PDB file of all heavy atoms in Angstrom:
ATOM      1  N   LEU A   1      14.520   6.134  14.986  1.00  0.00           N
ATOM      2  CA  LEU A   1      13.322   5.372  14.717  1.00  0.00           C
ATOM      3  C   LEU A   1      13.456   4.525  13.520  1.00  0.00           C
ATOM      4  O   LEU A   1      13.799   5.009  12.422  1.00  0.00           O
ATOM      5  CB  LEU A   1      12.082   6.286  14.705  1.00  0.00           C
ATOM      6  CG  LEU A   1      10.713   5.519  14.422  1.00  0.00           C
ATOM      7  CD1 LEU A   1      10.335   4.801  15.739  1.00  0.00           C
ATOM      8  CD2 LEU A   1       9.673   6.530  14.145  1.00  0.00           C
ATOM      9  N   ILE A   2      13.156   3.237  13.522  1.00  0.00           N
ATOM     10  CA  ILE A   2      13.035   2.466  12.410  1.00  0.00           C
ATOM     11  C   ILE A   2      11.580   1.797  12.386  1.00  0.00           C
ATOM     12  O   ILE A   2      11.270   1.123  13.382  1.00  0.00           O
ATOM     13  CB  ILE A   2      14.139   1.184  12.525  1.00  0.00           C
ATOM     14  CG1 ILE A   2      15.544   1.867  12.562  1.00  0.00           C
ATOM     15  CG2 ILE A   2      13.963   0.282  11.302  1.00  0.00           C
ATOM     16  CD1 ILE A   2      16.571   0.867  12.825  1.00  0.00           C
ATOM     17  N   ILE A   3      11.000   2.067  11.328  1.00  0.00           N
ATOM     18  CA  ILE A   3       9.608   1.556  11.177  1.00  0.00           C
ATOM     19  C   ILE A   3       9.621   0.580  10.073  1.00  0.00           C
ATOM     20  O   ILE A   3      10.225   0.726   9.060  1.00  0.00           O
ATOM     21  CB  ILE A   3       8.609   2.803  10.831  1.00  0.00           C
ATOM     22  CG1 ILE A   3       7.165   2.241  10.606  1.00  0.00           C
ATOM     23  CG2 ILE A   3       9.119   3.510   9.690  1.00  0.00           C
ATOM     24  CD1 ILE A   3       6.166   3.318  10.508  1.00  0.00           C
ATOM     25  N   THR A   4       9.035  -0.536  10.361  1.00  0.00           N
ATOM     26  CA  THR A   4       8.982  -1.769   9.420  1.00  0.00           C
ATOM     27  C   THR A   4       7.633  -2.066   9.107  1.00  0.00           C
ATOM     28  O   THR A   4       6.687  -2.187   9.842  1.00  0.00           O
ATOM     29  CB  THR A   4       9.637  -2.993  10.028  1.00  0.00           C
ATOM     30  OG1 THR A   4      10.906  -2.716  10.513  1.00  0.00           O
ATOM     31  CG2 THR A   4       9.588  -4.143   9.078  1.00  0.00           C
ATOM     32  N   LEU A   5       7.332  -1.913   7.701  1.00  0.00           N
ATOM     33  CA  LEU A   5       6.014  -2.115   7.134  1.00  0.00           C
ATOM     34  C   LEU A   5       5.951  -3.522   6.480  1.00  0.00           C
ATOM     35  O   LEU A   5       6.975  -4.035   6.063  1.00  0.00           O
ATOM     36  CB  LEU A   5       5.743  -0.997   6.099  1.00  0.00           C
ATOM     37  CG  LEU A   5       5.747   0.365   6.489  1.00  0.00           C
ATOM     38  CD1 LEU A   5       5.449   1.289   5.324  1.00  0.00           C
ATOM     39  CD2 LEU A   5       4.869   0.646   7.733  1.00  0.00           C
ATOM     40  N   GLU A   6       4.763  -4.032   6.485  1.00  0.00           N
ATOM     41  CA  GLU A   6       4.645  -5.387   5.978  1.00  0.00           C
ATOM     42  C   GLU A   6       3.465  -5.470   5.067  1.00  0.00           C
ATOM     43  O   GLU A   6       2.386  -4.768   5.248  1.00  0.00           O
ATOM     44  CB  GLU A   6       4.440  -6.350   7.090  1.00  0.00           C
ATOM     45  CG  GLU A   6       4.222  -7.809   6.877  1.00  0.00           C
ATOM     46  CD  GLU A   6       4.166  -8.613   8.149  1.00  0.00           C
ATOM     47  OE1 GLU A   6       3.004  -8.728   8.660  1.00  0.00           O
ATOM     48  OE2 GLU A   6       5.122  -9.234   8.405  1.00  0.00           O
ATOM     49  N   ALA A   7       3.535  -6.279   3.877  1.00  0.00           N
ATOM     50  CA  ALA A   7       2.527  -6.450   2.951  1.00  0.00           C
ATOM     51  C   ALA A   7       2.634  -7.668   2.347  1.00  0.00           C
ATOM     52  O   ALA A   7       3.746  -8.226   2.200  1.00  0.00           O
ATOM     53  CB  ALA A   7       2.517  -5.296   1.913  1.00  0.00           C
ATOM     54  N   SER A   8       1.507  -8.256   1.940  1.00  0.00           N
ATOM     55  CA  SER A   8       1.538  -9.680   1.337  1.00  0.00           C
ATOM     56  C   SER A   8       1.734  -9.491  -0.220  1.00  0.00           C
ATOM     57  O   SER A   8       2.148 -10.568  -0.873  1.00  0.00           O
ATOM     58  CB  SER A   8       0.255 -10.400   1.603  1.00  0.00           C
ATOM     59  OG  SER A   8      -0.835  -9.665   1.031  1.00  0.00           O
ATOM     60  N   GLY A   9       1.511  -8.443  -0.801  1.00  0.00           N
ATOM     61  CA  GLY A   9       1.823  -8.136  -2.240  1.00  0.00           C
ATOM     62  C   GLY A   9       2.425  -6.826  -2.446  1.00  0.00           C
ATOM     63  O   GLY A   9       2.710  -6.062  -1.558  1.00  0.00           O
ATOM     64  N   LEU A  10       2.721  -6.661  -3.756  1.00  0.00           N
ATOM     65  CA  LEU A  10       3.403  -5.438  -4.164  1.00  0.00           C
ATOM     66  C   LEU A  10       2.470  -4.604  -4.949  1.00  0.00           C
ATOM     67  O   LEU A  10       1.531  -5.176  -5.517  1.00  0.00           O
ATOM     68  CB  LEU A  10       4.681  -5.680  -4.954  1.00  0.00           C
ATOM     69  CG  LEU A  10       5.732  -6.548  -4.286  1.00  0.00           C
ATOM     70  CD1 LEU A  10       6.834  -6.917  -5.165  1.00  0.00           C
ATOM     71  CD2 LEU A  10       6.213  -5.785  -3.007  1.00  0.00           C
ATOM     72  N   ASP A  11       2.681  -3.267  -5.083  1.00  0.00           N
ATOM     73  CA  ASP A  11       1.804  -2.409  -5.866  1.00  0.00           C
ATOM     74  C   ASP A  11       2.200  -2.505  -7.357  1.00  0.00           C
ATOM     75  O   ASP A  11       3.145  -3.307  -7.749  1.00  0.00           O
ATOM     76  CB  ASP A  11       1.803  -0.916  -5.375  1.00  0.00           C
ATOM     77  CG  ASP A  11       3.224  -0.324  -5.517  1.00  0.00           C
ATOM     78  OD1 ASP A  11       4.045  -0.885  -6.239  1.00  0.00           O
ATOM     79  OD2 ASP A  11       3.392   0.823  -5.024  1.00  0.00           O
ATOM     80  N   ASP A  12       1.680  -1.799  -8.136  1.00  0.00           N
ATOM     81  CA  ASP A  12       1.901  -1.903  -9.721  1.00  0.00           C
ATOM     82  C   ASP A  12       3.298  -1.365 -10.046  1.00  0.00           C
ATOM     83  O   ASP A  12       3.742  -1.639 -11.162  1.00  0.00           O
ATOM     84  CB  ASP A  12       0.852  -1.074 -10.509  1.00  0.00           C
ATOM     85  CG  ASP A  12       0.825   0.427 -10.200  1.00  0.00           C
ATOM     86  OD1 ASP A  12       1.434   0.857  -9.221  1.00  0.00           O
ATOM     87  OD2 ASP A  12       0.067   1.105 -10.810  1.00  0.00           O
ATOM     88  N   ARG A  13       4.045  -0.833  -9.094  1.00  0.00           N
ATOM     89  CA  ARG A  13       5.445  -0.395  -9.306  1.00  0.00           C
ATOM     90  C   ARG A  13       6.441  -1.476  -8.845  1.00  0.00           C
ATOM     91  O   ARG A  13       7.578  -1.454  -8.995  1.00  0.00           O
ATOM     92  CB  ARG A  13       5.816   0.885  -8.627  1.00  0.00           C
ATOM     93  CG  ARG A  13       4.897   2.079  -9.016  1.00  0.00           C
ATOM     94  CD  ARG A  13       5.105   3.187  -8.140  1.00  0.00           C
ATOM     95  NE  ARG A  13       4.645   2.904  -6.672  1.00  0.00           N
ATOM     96  CZ  ARG A  13       4.678   3.640  -5.717  1.00  0.00           C
ATOM     97  NH1 ARG A  13       5.069   4.833  -5.843  1.00  0.00           N
ATOM     98  NH2 ARG A  13       4.233   3.255  -4.590  1.00  0.00           N
ATOM     99  N   GLY A  14       5.813  -2.550  -8.217  1.00  0.00           N
ATOM    100  CA  GLY A  14       6.652  -3.627  -7.674  1.00  0.00           C
ATOM    101  C   GLY A  14       7.200  -3.094  -6.233  1.00  0.00           C
ATOM    102  O   GLY A  14       8.180  -3.729  -5.942  1.00  0.00           O
ATOM    103  N   MET A  15       6.498  -2.338  -5.517  1.00  0.00           N
ATOM    104  CA  MET A  15       6.881  -1.827  -4.241  1.00  0.00           C
ATOM    105  C   MET A  15       5.817  -2.155  -3.130  1.00  0.00           C
ATOM    106  O   MET A  15       4.702  -2.157  -3.458  1.00  0.00           O
ATOM    107  CB  MET A  15       7.126  -0.369  -4.255  1.00  0.00           C
ATOM    108  CG  MET A  15       8.145   0.148  -5.134  1.00  0.00           C
ATOM    109  SD  MET A  15       8.046   1.959  -5.019  1.00  0.00           S
ATOM    110  CE  MET A  15       9.517   2.394  -6.020  1.00  0.00           C
ATOM    111  N   VAL A  16       6.239  -2.235  -1.993  1.00  0.00           N
ATOM    112  CA  VAL A  16       5.336  -2.303  -0.873  1.00  0.00           C
ATOM    113  C   VAL A  16       4.824  -0.859  -0.672  1.00  0.00           C
ATOM    114  O   VAL A  16       3.668  -0.602  -0.680  1.00  0.00           O
ATOM    115  CB  VAL A  16       5.973  -2.813   0.513  1.00  0.00           C
ATOM    116  CG1 VAL A  16       5.053  -2.528   1.825  1.00  0.00           C
ATOM    117  CG2 VAL A  16       6.358  -4.229   0.447  1.00  0.00           C
ATOM    118  N   LEU A  17       5.710   0.053  -0.567  1.00  0.00           N
ATOM    119  CA  LEU A  17       5.361   1.590  -0.560  1.00  0.00           C
ATOM    120  C   LEU A  17       6.757   2.183  -0.905  1.00  0.00           C
ATOM    121  O   LEU A  17       7.784   1.870  -0.422  1.00  0.00           O
ATOM    122  CB  LEU A  17       4.840   1.923   0.845  1.00  0.00           C
ATOM    123  CG  LEU A  17       4.353   3.256   1.070  1.00  0.00           C
ATOM    124  CD1 LEU A  17       3.154   3.467   0.254  1.00  0.00           C
ATOM    125  CD2 LEU A  17       4.098   3.574   2.560  1.00  0.00           C
ATOM    126  N   ASP A  18       6.648   3.311  -1.414  1.00  0.00           N
ATOM    127  CA  ASP A  18       7.816   4.141  -1.847  1.00  0.00           C
ATOM    128  C   ASP A  18       8.458   4.682  -0.520  1.00  0.00           C
ATOM    129  O   ASP A  18       7.731   5.124   0.307  1.00  0.00           O
ATOM    130  CB  ASP A  18       7.479   5.274  -2.717  1.00  0.00           C
ATOM    131  CG  ASP A  18       8.614   6.032  -3.252  1.00  0.00           C
ATOM    132  OD1 ASP A  18       9.657   6.103  -2.722  1.00  0.00           O
ATOM    133  OD2 ASP A  18       8.564   6.474  -4.525  1.00  0.00           O
ATOM    134  N   PHE A  19       9.742   4.457  -0.337  1.00  0.00           N
ATOM    135  CA  PHE A  19      10.413   4.966   0.905  1.00  0.00           C
ATOM    136  C   PHE A  19      10.243   6.391   1.101  1.00  0.00           C
ATOM    137  O   PHE A  19      10.107   6.847   2.218  1.00  0.00           O
ATOM    138  CB  PHE A  19      11.921   4.729   0.767  1.00  0.00           C
ATOM    139  CG  PHE A  19      12.253   3.170   0.976  1.00  0.00           C
ATOM    140  CD1 PHE A  19      12.862   2.485   0.003  1.00  0.00           C
ATOM    141  CD2 PHE A  19      11.941   2.505   2.120  1.00  0.00           C
ATOM    142  CE1 PHE A  19      13.184   1.149   0.088  1.00  0.00           C
ATOM    143  CE2 PHE A  19      12.263   1.259   2.290  1.00  0.00           C
ATOM    144  CZ  PHE A  19      12.864   0.570   1.192  1.00  0.00           C
ATOM    145  N   SER A  20      10.175   7.148   0.043  1.00  0.00           N
ATOM    146  CA  SER A  20       9.889   8.667   0.140  1.00  0.00           C
ATOM    147  C   SER A  20       8.487   8.895   0.767  1.00  0.00           C
ATOM    148  O   SER A  20       8.419   9.995   1.451  1.00  0.00           O
ATOM    149  CB  SER A  20      10.170   9.399  -1.197  1.00  0.00           C
ATOM    150  OG  SER A  20       9.124   8.995  -2.100  1.00  0.00           O
ATOM    151  N   GLU A  21       7.574   8.121   0.426  1.00  0.00           N
ATOM    152  CA  GLU A  21       6.310   8.357   1.154  1.00  0.00           C
ATOM    153  C   GLU A  21       6.310   8.062   2.637  1.00  0.00           C
ATOM    154  O   GLU A  21       5.736   8.821   3.398  1.00  0.00           O
ATOM    155  CB  GLU A  21       5.189   7.354   0.462  1.00  0.00           C
ATOM    156  CG  GLU A  21       3.759   7.487   0.984  1.00  0.00           C
ATOM    157  CD  GLU A  21       3.163   8.785   0.734  1.00  0.00           C
ATOM    158  OE1 GLU A  21       3.659   9.595  -0.064  1.00  0.00           O
ATOM    159  OE2 GLU A  21       2.084   9.103   1.363  1.00  0.00           O
ATOM    160  N   ILE A  22       7.002   6.987   3.011  1.00  0.00           N
ATOM    161  CA  ILE A  22       7.143   6.831   4.403  1.00  0.00           C
ATOM    162  C   ILE A  22       7.862   8.010   5.102  1.00  0.00           C
ATOM    163  O   ILE A  22       7.399   8.473   6.162  1.00  0.00           O
ATOM    164  CB  ILE A  22       8.067   5.481   4.611  1.00  0.00           C
ATOM    165  CG1 ILE A  22       7.362   4.328   4.092  1.00  0.00           C
ATOM    166  CG2 ILE A  22       8.251   5.301   6.167  1.00  0.00           C
ATOM    167  CD1 ILE A  22       8.219   3.043   4.117  1.00  0.00           C
ATOM    168  N   THR A  23       8.939   8.398   4.453  1.00  0.00           N
ATOM    169  CA  THR A  23       9.658   9.581   5.006  1.00  0.00           C
ATOM    170  C   THR A  23       8.706  10.837   5.018  1.00  0.00           C
ATOM    171  O   THR A  23       8.641  11.519   6.050  1.00  0.00           O
ATOM    172  CB  THR A  23      10.923   9.980   4.083  1.00  0.00           C
ATOM    173  OG1 THR A  23      11.706   8.666   4.097  1.00  0.00           O
ATOM    174  CG2 THR A  23      11.536  11.027   4.690  1.00  0.00           C
ATOM    175  N   ARG A  24       7.969  11.022   4.099  1.00  0.00           N
ATOM    176  CA  ARG A  24       7.011  12.217   4.039  1.00  0.00           C
ATOM    177  C   ARG A  24       6.060  12.157   5.120  1.00  0.00           C
ATOM    178  O   ARG A  24       5.866  13.199   5.857  1.00  0.00           O
ATOM    179  CB  ARG A  24       6.391  12.398   2.753  1.00  0.00           C
ATOM    180  CG  ARG A  24       5.470  13.635   2.593  1.00  0.00           C
ATOM    181  CD  ARG A  24       4.691  13.648   1.263  1.00  0.00           C
ATOM    182  NE  ARG A  24       3.653  12.469   1.333  1.00  0.00           N
ATOM    183  CZ  ARG A  24       2.553  12.530   1.939  1.00  0.00           C
ATOM    184  NH1 ARG A  24       2.185  13.462   2.691  1.00  0.00           N
ATOM    185  NH2 ARG A  24       1.626  11.543   1.844  1.00  0.00           N
ATOM    186  N   VAL A  25       5.451  11.067   5.258  1.00  0.00           N
ATOM    187  CA  VAL A  25       4.379  10.979   6.302  1.00  0.00           C
ATOM    188  C   VAL A  25       4.932  10.860   7.754  1.00  0.00           C
ATOM    189  O   VAL A  25       4.551  11.592   8.575  1.00  0.00           O
ATOM    190  CB  VAL A  25       3.487   9.693   6.068  1.00  0.00           C
ATOM    191  CG1 VAL A  25       2.552   9.429   7.199  1.00  0.00           C
ATOM    192  CG2 VAL A  25       2.693   9.934   4.765  1.00  0.00           C
ATOM    193  N   VAL A  26       5.835   9.914   7.875  1.00  0.00           N
ATOM    194  CA  VAL A  26       6.431   9.788   9.307  1.00  0.00           C
ATOM    195  C   VAL A  26       7.264  10.973   9.725  1.00  0.00           C
ATOM    196  O   VAL A  26       7.215  11.440  10.831  1.00  0.00           O
ATOM    197  CB  VAL A  26       7.231   8.492   9.382  1.00  0.00           C
ATOM    198  CG1 VAL A  26       7.845   8.250  10.698  1.00  0.00           C
ATOM    199  CG2 VAL A  26       6.330   7.271   9.074  1.00  0.00           C
TER     200      VAL A  26
END
């Protein structure tokens, strides 16, 4: 499974979302 997330901006760390968070949830 390849999940692609999209955002118009970045968080205060300069990320859309931490990859480890995607892994944890998904």
